[in-house]
Protein backbone atom coordinates (compact mmCIF):
# COMPACT_ATOMS: atom_id res chain seq x y z
CA MET A 1 -54.26 38.58 42.06
CA ILE A 2 -58.11 39.87 42.13
CA TYR A 3 -56.96 42.28 38.87
CA GLY A 4 -55.33 39.26 37.45
CA ALA A 5 -58.38 37.53 37.52
CA ILE A 6 -60.79 40.32 36.41
CA TYR A 7 -58.16 40.54 33.50
CA LYS A 8 -58.64 37.75 32.29
CA ILE A 9 -62.72 37.86 32.58
CA VAL A 10 -62.53 40.63 30.34
CA THR A 11 -60.20 39.47 27.79
CA GLY A 12 -61.77 36.18 27.92
CA PHE A 13 -65.54 37.74 27.38
CA MET A 14 -64.04 40.19 24.76
CA SER A 15 -63.06 37.95 22.97
CA PHE A 16 -66.12 36.21 22.34
CA TRP A 17 -68.05 39.31 21.94
CA TYR A 18 -65.47 40.44 19.37
CA LYS A 19 -65.65 36.95 16.98
CA PHE A 20 -69.81 37.49 17.68
CA TRP A 21 -70.84 41.65 17.11
CA PHE A 22 -67.52 42.26 14.53
CA GLY A 23 -66.65 38.53 12.98
CA ALA A 24 -62.94 38.91 14.09
CA LYS A 25 -61.22 36.61 12.64
CA ILE A 26 -57.21 36.16 13.69
CA SER A 27 -54.29 34.70 12.80
CA GLY A 28 -50.54 34.17 13.95
CA LEU A 29 -50.89 33.45 17.20
CA GLU A 30 -47.77 30.62 16.37
CA ASN A 31 -45.73 33.45 16.67
CA ILE A 32 -46.36 34.43 19.70
CA PRO A 33 -43.59 33.73 22.11
CA GLN A 34 -44.62 31.35 25.12
CA GLU A 35 -42.65 33.23 27.65
CA GLY A 36 -40.06 36.11 27.78
CA GLY A 37 -40.55 40.18 27.28
CA CYS A 38 -41.73 40.52 23.73
CA ILE A 39 -43.02 44.66 22.22
CA VAL A 40 -46.68 44.12 20.41
CA CYS A 41 -47.00 46.56 17.93
CA GLY A 42 -49.02 47.62 15.54
CA ASN A 43 -51.30 50.17 13.93
CA HIS A 44 -53.67 52.28 15.33
CA ILE A 45 -56.96 52.57 13.90
CA SER A 46 -59.45 52.73 16.76
CA ASN A 47 -60.24 53.16 20.29
CA HIS A 48 -60.71 49.22 20.36
CA ASP A 49 -57.24 48.37 19.24
CA ALA A 50 -55.68 47.75 22.61
CA VAL A 51 -58.63 45.54 23.85
CA PHE A 52 -58.56 43.57 20.56
CA VAL A 53 -54.97 42.41 20.57
CA ALA A 54 -55.11 41.66 24.31
CA SER A 55 -58.01 39.62 24.25
CA TYR A 56 -56.18 37.18 21.93
CA PHE A 57 -53.04 37.19 22.84
CA PRO A 58 -52.20 34.42 25.35
CA ARG A 59 -50.28 36.31 27.78
CA ARG A 60 -51.26 38.74 30.33
CA CYS A 61 -49.86 41.80 28.45
CA THR A 62 -48.45 45.33 29.53
CA PHE A 63 -49.68 48.32 27.73
CA LEU A 64 -48.81 52.61 26.90
CA ALA A 65 -51.97 54.09 27.21
CA LYS A 66 -51.78 58.08 26.76
CA LYS A 67 -51.92 59.88 30.39
CA GLU A 68 -55.27 61.29 29.73
CA LEU A 69 -56.83 58.07 30.10
CA PHE A 70 -55.67 58.51 34.05
CA ILE A 71 -58.28 60.16 35.34
CA PRO A 72 -58.89 59.56 39.06
CA VAL A 73 -61.98 57.21 39.01
CA ILE A 74 -60.43 54.76 36.71
CA ARG A 75 -56.41 55.63 37.12
CA GLY A 76 -56.36 52.73 40.09
CA ILE A 77 -57.57 49.99 37.88
CA LEU A 78 -55.58 50.80 34.56
CA LYS A 79 -52.34 50.83 36.64
CA LYS A 80 -53.65 47.36 38.17
CA VAL A 81 -54.31 45.61 35.06
CA GLY A 82 -51.36 47.14 33.47
CA ALA A 83 -51.23 49.94 31.54
CA ILE A 84 -48.73 52.61 31.78
CA PRO A 85 -48.97 56.00 31.22
CA VAL A 86 -47.51 58.18 28.90
CA LYS A 87 -47.01 61.94 28.42
CA ARG A 88 -47.22 61.83 24.13
CA GLY A 89 -45.35 64.74 21.91
CA ALA A 90 -42.60 65.02 24.03
CA THR A 91 -39.79 62.41 25.80
CA ASP A 92 -41.02 60.37 29.47
CA VAL A 93 -38.73 58.97 31.12
CA GLY A 94 -41.21 57.60 33.48
CA ALA A 95 -42.95 55.52 31.23
CA ILE A 96 -39.58 54.91 29.71
CA LYS A 97 -37.90 53.39 32.45
CA ALA A 98 -41.67 51.62 33.64
CA SER A 99 -41.47 49.74 30.04
CA ILE A 100 -38.17 48.78 30.50
CA ARG A 101 -39.24 47.34 33.93
CA ALA A 102 -42.23 45.23 32.13
CA LEU A 103 -39.61 43.50 29.30
CA LYS A 104 -36.70 42.48 31.86
CA ASP A 105 -40.16 41.37 34.22
CA GLU A 106 -40.51 39.48 30.90
CA LYS A 107 -43.91 40.82 30.21
CA PRO A 108 -45.13 41.93 27.03
CA LEU A 109 -45.75 45.25 26.26
CA VAL A 110 -48.35 46.36 23.46
CA LEU A 111 -47.89 50.19 21.98
CA PHE A 112 -48.85 51.61 18.81
CA PRO A 113 -45.54 53.00 16.84
CA GLN A 114 -48.22 55.74 15.23
CA GLY A 115 -48.91 57.55 18.95
CA THR A 116 -52.29 57.99 17.85
CA ARG A 117 -55.57 56.74 15.60
CA LEU A 118 -54.95 57.28 12.45
CA LYS A 119 -56.70 55.96 9.32
CA LYS A 120 -53.55 55.40 6.91
CA LEU A 121 -50.37 54.29 7.47
CA GLU A 122 -47.52 56.29 7.15
CA PHE A 123 -43.86 55.90 7.83
CA ASP A 124 -43.25 59.56 9.15
CA ASP A 125 -46.21 58.98 11.27
CA PHE A 126 -44.01 56.16 13.02
CA LYS A 127 -42.37 56.67 16.29
CA ASN A 128 -39.14 55.24 17.47
CA GLY A 129 -39.97 53.56 21.02
CA ALA A 130 -40.41 50.08 19.78
CA PRO A 131 -37.44 49.62 18.19
CA PHE A 132 -35.15 51.09 21.04
CA LEU A 133 -37.17 49.20 23.62
CA ALA A 134 -36.46 46.49 22.39
CA ILE A 135 -32.86 47.01 21.60
CA LYS A 136 -31.77 48.37 24.78
CA CYS A 137 -34.00 44.80 26.39
CA ASN A 138 -32.91 42.67 23.96
CA VAL A 139 -36.76 41.28 23.17
CA PRO A 140 -38.47 40.16 20.12
CA ILE A 141 -41.26 42.90 18.58
CA ILE A 142 -44.38 40.74 17.47
CA PRO A 143 -45.83 42.88 14.63
CA VAL A 144 -49.24 43.02 14.61
CA GLY A 145 -51.68 44.18 11.41
CA ILE A 146 -55.49 45.16 12.31
CA CYS A 147 -57.33 45.02 9.00
CA GLY A 148 -60.45 46.27 8.54
CA LYS A 149 -62.80 48.15 10.31
CA PHE A 150 -64.90 47.88 14.08
CA LYS A 151 -68.61 47.46 12.34
CA PHE A 152 -71.25 44.77 12.92
CA ARG A 153 -70.15 41.35 10.70
CA SER A 154 -67.25 42.98 8.85
CA GLY A 155 -64.86 40.51 9.67
CA ILE A 156 -62.10 42.35 11.11
CA LYS A 157 -58.66 40.97 11.18
CA LEU A 158 -56.08 40.57 13.79
CA LYS A 159 -52.74 39.42 12.16
CA PHE A 160 -50.03 38.22 14.27
CA GLY A 161 -46.43 38.25 12.20
CA SER A 162 -42.94 36.78 13.17
CA PRO A 163 -40.78 38.05 15.86
CA ILE A 164 -38.65 40.84 14.30
CA HIS A 165 -35.12 39.87 16.22
CA PRO A 166 -32.99 43.33 16.74
CA GLN A 167 -30.00 41.32 16.28
CA ASP A 168 -30.94 40.54 13.12
CA TYR A 169 -30.16 43.65 12.18
CA ASN A 170 -27.03 44.55 14.01
CA TYR A 171 -29.35 46.49 16.93
CA ASP A 172 -29.81 49.05 14.12
CA SER A 173 -32.74 50.99 15.10
CA ASN A 174 -33.41 52.68 11.96
CA GLU A 175 -33.47 49.56 10.22
CA VAL A 176 -35.34 48.08 12.78
CA SER A 177 -38.03 50.65 12.39
CA THR A 178 -38.05 49.92 8.90
CA VAL A 179 -38.35 46.34 8.86
CA LEU A 180 -41.18 46.95 11.22
CA TYR A 181 -43.23 49.37 9.24
CA LYS A 182 -43.19 47.38 5.86
CA THR A 183 -44.27 44.06 8.29
CA ILE A 184 -47.18 46.22 9.43
CA GLU A 185 -47.55 47.45 6.02
CA SER A 186 -47.52 44.23 4.76
CA MET A 187 -49.92 42.61 6.81
CA VAL A 188 -52.62 45.54 6.60
CA ASN A 189 -52.55 45.67 2.71
CA ASP A 190 -52.91 41.92 2.41
CA GLY A 191 -56.28 42.60 4.19
């Protein structure tokens, strides 16, 4: 319960700070489902990305985060605020099971399909985890585009796109992945 309050306080403060310091501009909030599980999936350009997305997402999120962040000092806090550790570069069955549980519990799950921060968006860097989870749990993917740089008053943009429903693509993982990539690419390139 206390961690839910901490989550709200931190994201509330950060949403104010992102607008004040970076001149953040947010669009597409109407595309976010009010209930049910969903995967929130976008490009990954900075350490700010997960907090930036969570600060404007109107529901409490669960996150996939690299296992290296879970050092003893903050491991408990990360887990309490909804972070799921994932071992990068391998199939992490524990992270997959925890992600499926979160989605079945109707929680939004934030992940970045590139798996690491990259300056340029390339289809070859996209991992297939989001489409796999969306199909397995029959939940929509909310594409996210982060445009610009986290610099003082830069006007960085956060765009939430229309939901991508796996059933619209016959539950074809490759097709869902392609549509997701093209949607994020379009949002990022449109600035």
